[in-house]
Amino acid sequence: MGRTPPHPDVSQFDLQQVLEALVDPVRRSIVTQLDASEEDLACGTFDIAVSKSTATHHFKVLREAGLIRQYYVGTSRMNALRRAEMDEAFPGLLDALTRSRAAALTR
């Protein structure tokens, strides 16, 4: 395992925990930024207006809910959206989230 933090298996995903993770606007922003990116993103590259320690908390909540996978590349902690697994467990949830976020940004 090394430095890679633990991640829940798809069979362990809990809808309540996922929804609680997504209720926070900072965490929704992280998810939508990952969804829009063509590559995994390092923690420091997100456009979020919170302190480093607060960002760390938000990433942990998303990881524990199963929404993101984190791993290291050198000293950078990388983040990947677990889109396929979320779509398997909760079809349409991320589509609804990203669609509503995109609509809000274009208003």
C-alpha atoms as a PDB file:
ATOM      1  CA  MET A   1       0.000   0.000   0.000  1.00  0.00           C
ATOM      2  CA  GLY A   2       2.775   2.502   0.835  1.00  0.00           C
ATOM      3  CA  ARG A   3       1.584   6.080   0.735  1.00  0.00           C
ATOM      4  CA  THR A   4      -1.633   5.418  -1.167  1.00  0.00           C
ATOM      5  CA  PRO A   5      -4.609   6.080   1.131  1.00  0.00           C
ATOM      6  CA  PRO A   6      -7.391   3.489   1.398  1.00  0.00           C
ATOM      7  CA  HIS A   7     -10.372   3.682  -0.954  1.00  0.00           C
ATOM      8  CA  PRO A   8     -13.753   1.986  -0.609  1.00  0.00           C
ATOM      9  CA  ASP A   9     -14.682  -0.772  -3.018  1.00  0.00           C
ATOM     10  CA  VAL A  10     -17.735  -0.172  -5.221  1.00  0.00           C
ATOM     11  CA  SER A  11     -19.654  -2.662  -3.077  1.00  0.00           C
ATOM     12  CA  GLN A  12     -19.019  -0.371  -0.081  1.00  0.00           C
ATOM     13  CA  PHE A  13     -20.396   2.811  -1.662  1.00  0.00           C
ATOM     14  CA  ASP A  14     -23.180   4.318   0.422  1.00  0.00           C
ATOM     15  CA  LEU A  15     -25.607   6.722  -1.259  1.00  0.00           C
ATOM     16  CA  GLN A  16     -26.102   8.728   1.938  1.00  0.00           C
ATOM     17  CA  GLN A  17     -22.337   9.216   2.330  1.00  0.00           C
ATOM     18  CA  VAL A  18     -21.965  10.202  -1.336  1.00  0.00           C
ATOM     19  CA  LEU A  19     -24.795  12.742  -1.094  1.00  0.00           C
ATOM     20  CA  GLU A  20     -23.373  14.170   2.132  1.00  0.00           C
ATOM     21  CA  ALA A  21     -20.002  14.565   0.412  1.00  0.00           C
ATOM     22  CA  LEU A  22     -21.626  16.356  -2.529  1.00  0.00           C
ATOM     23  CA  VAL A  23     -23.702  18.759  -0.433  1.00  0.00           C
ATOM     24  CA  ASP A  24     -20.678  21.021   0.097  1.00  0.00           C
ATOM     25  CA  PRO A  25     -20.038  23.510  -2.750  1.00  0.00           C
ATOM     26  CA  VAL A  26     -16.240  23.164  -2.487  1.00  0.00           C
ATOM     27  CA  ARG A  27     -16.464  19.397  -2.867  1.00  0.00           C
ATOM     28  CA  ARG A  28     -18.916  19.737  -5.780  1.00  0.00           C
ATOM     29  CA  SER A  29     -16.424  22.087  -7.405  1.00  0.00           C
ATOM     30  CA  ILE A  30     -13.608  19.558  -6.974  1.00  0.00           C
ATOM     31  CA  VAL A  31     -15.763  16.837  -8.563  1.00  0.00           C
ATOM     32  CA  THR A  32     -16.805  19.031 -11.501  1.00  0.00           C
ATOM     33  CA  GLN A  33     -13.219  20.193 -12.094  1.00  0.00           C
ATOM     34  CA  LEU A  34     -12.065  16.573 -12.165  1.00  0.00           C
ATOM     35  CA  ASP A  35     -14.920  15.663 -14.483  1.00  0.00           C
ATOM     36  CA  ALA A  36     -13.986  18.475 -16.880  1.00  0.00           C
ATOM     37  CA  SER A  37     -10.282  17.616 -16.854  1.00  0.00           C
ATOM     38  CA  GLU A  38      -8.800  15.168 -19.307  1.00  0.00           C
ATOM     39  CA  GLU A  39      -6.200  14.101 -16.742  1.00  0.00           C
ATOM     40  CA  ASP A  40      -5.850  13.525 -13.024  1.00  0.00           C
ATOM     41  CA  LEU A  41      -5.120  16.654 -11.007  1.00  0.00           C
ATOM     42  CA  ALA A  42      -2.742  17.373  -8.129  1.00  0.00           C
ATOM     43  CA  CYS A  43      -4.341  18.751  -4.983  1.00  0.00           C
ATOM     44  CA  GLY A  44      -2.698  22.166  -5.399  1.00  0.00           C
ATOM     45  CA  THR A  45      -4.055  22.733  -8.917  1.00  0.00           C
ATOM     46  CA  PHE A  46      -7.746  23.063  -8.051  1.00  0.00           C
ATOM     47  CA  ASP A  47      -9.487  26.431  -8.207  1.00  0.00           C
ATOM     48  CA  ILE A  48     -10.866  26.439  -4.658  1.00  0.00           C
ATOM     49  CA  ALA A  49     -10.705  29.321  -2.187  1.00  0.00           C
ATOM     50  CA  VAL A  50      -9.916  27.410   1.001  1.00  0.00           C
ATOM     51  CA  SER A  51      -6.793  26.838   3.077  1.00  0.00           C
ATOM     52  CA  LYS A  52      -4.575  23.830   2.439  1.00  0.00           C
ATOM     53  CA  SER A  53      -5.786  22.079   5.607  1.00  0.00           C
ATOM     54  CA  THR A  54      -9.434  22.662   4.687  1.00  0.00           C
ATOM     55  CA  ALA A  55      -8.781  21.386   1.156  1.00  0.00           C
ATOM     56  CA  THR A  56      -7.171  18.268   2.647  1.00  0.00           C
ATOM     57  CA  HIS A  57     -10.354  17.652   4.641  1.00  0.00           C
ATOM     58  CA  HIS A  58     -12.529  18.042   1.532  1.00  0.00           C
ATOM     59  CA  PHE A  59     -10.377  15.589  -0.452  1.00  0.00           C
ATOM     60  CA  LYS A  60     -10.579  13.086   2.412  1.00  0.00           C
ATOM     61  CA  VAL A  61     -14.391  13.299   2.527  1.00  0.00           C
ATOM     62  CA  LEU A  62     -14.590  12.740  -1.238  1.00  0.00           C
ATOM     63  CA  ARG A  63     -12.131   9.820  -1.083  1.00  0.00           C
ATOM     64  CA  GLU A  64     -13.909   8.131   1.824  1.00  0.00           C
ATOM     65  CA  ALA A  65     -17.230   8.448  -0.017  1.00  0.00           C
ATOM     66  CA  GLY A  66     -15.630   6.781  -3.049  1.00  0.00           C
ATOM     67  CA  LEU A  67     -15.951   9.754  -5.389  1.00  0.00           C
ATOM     68  CA  ILE A  68     -12.224  10.182  -5.966  1.00  0.00           C
ATOM     69  CA  ARG A  69      -9.112   8.014  -5.987  1.00  0.00           C
ATOM     70  CA  GLN A  70      -5.894   9.511  -4.647  1.00  0.00           C
ATOM     71  CA  TYR A  71      -2.346   8.376  -5.346  1.00  0.00           C
ATOM     72  CA  TYR A  72       1.141   9.857  -5.337  1.00  0.00           C
ATOM     73  CA  VAL A  73       3.362  10.815  -8.221  1.00  0.00           C
ATOM     74  CA  GLY A  74       6.605  11.894  -6.623  1.00  0.00           C
ATOM     75  CA  THR A  75       5.572  14.345  -3.930  1.00  0.00           C
ATOM     76  CA  SER A  76       2.267  15.306  -5.552  1.00  0.00           C
ATOM     77  CA  ARG A  77      -0.974  13.739  -4.374  1.00  0.00           C
ATOM     78  CA  MET A  78      -3.004  13.154  -7.502  1.00  0.00           C
ATOM     79  CA  ASN A  79      -6.783  12.942  -7.701  1.00  0.00           C
ATOM     80  CA  ALA A  80      -8.905  10.984 -10.142  1.00  0.00           C
ATOM     81  CA  LEU A  81     -12.684  11.010 -10.370  1.00  0.00           C
ATOM     82  CA  ARG A  82     -14.060   7.478 -10.000  1.00  0.00           C
ATOM     83  CA  ARG A  83     -16.616   8.198 -12.727  1.00  0.00           C
ATOM     84  CA  ALA A  84     -17.057   4.637 -14.011  1.00  0.00           C
ATOM     85  CA  GLU A  85     -17.485   3.195 -10.517  1.00  0.00           C
ATOM     86  CA  MET A  86     -19.936   5.935  -9.494  1.00  0.00           C
ATOM     87  CA  ASP A  87     -21.909   5.431 -12.710  1.00  0.00           C
ATOM     88  CA  GLU A  88     -22.043   1.707 -11.948  1.00  0.00           C
ATOM     89  CA  ALA A  89     -23.251   2.235  -8.388  1.00  0.00           C
ATOM     90  CA  PHE A  90     -25.485   5.287  -8.918  1.00  0.00           C
ATOM     91  CA  PRO A  91     -26.318   5.699 -12.626  1.00  0.00           C
ATOM     92  CA  GLY A  92     -26.904   9.306 -13.657  1.00  0.00           C
ATOM     93  CA  LEU A  93     -25.848  10.916 -10.365  1.00  0.00           C
ATOM     94  CA  LEU A  94     -22.639  12.523 -11.626  1.00  0.00           C
ATOM     95  CA  ASP A  95     -24.283  13.454 -14.924  1.00  0.00           C
ATOM     96  CA  ALA A  96     -27.002  15.313 -13.015  1.00  0.00           C
ATOM     97  CA  LEU A  97     -24.412  17.048 -10.834  1.00  0.00           C
ATOM     98  CA  THR A  98     -22.172  18.175 -13.667  1.00  0.00           C
ATOM     99  CA  ARG A  99     -25.122  19.187 -15.859  1.00  0.00           C
ATOM    100  CA  SER A 100     -26.625  21.375 -13.111  1.00  0.00           C
ATOM    101  CA  ARG A 101     -23.211  22.901 -12.337  1.00  0.00           C
ATOM    102  CA  ALA A 102     -22.581  23.707 -16.009  1.00  0.00           C
ATOM    103  CA  ALA A 103     -26.025  25.311 -16.293  1.00  0.00           C
ATOM    104  CA  ALA A 104     -25.363  27.467 -13.219  1.00  0.00           C
ATOM    105  CA  LEU A 105     -22.048  28.652 -14.646  1.00  0.00           C
ATOM    106  CA  THR A 106     -23.617  29.748 -17.946  1.00  0.00           C
ATOM    107  CA  ARG A 107     -26.347  31.863 -16.349  1.00  0.00           C
END
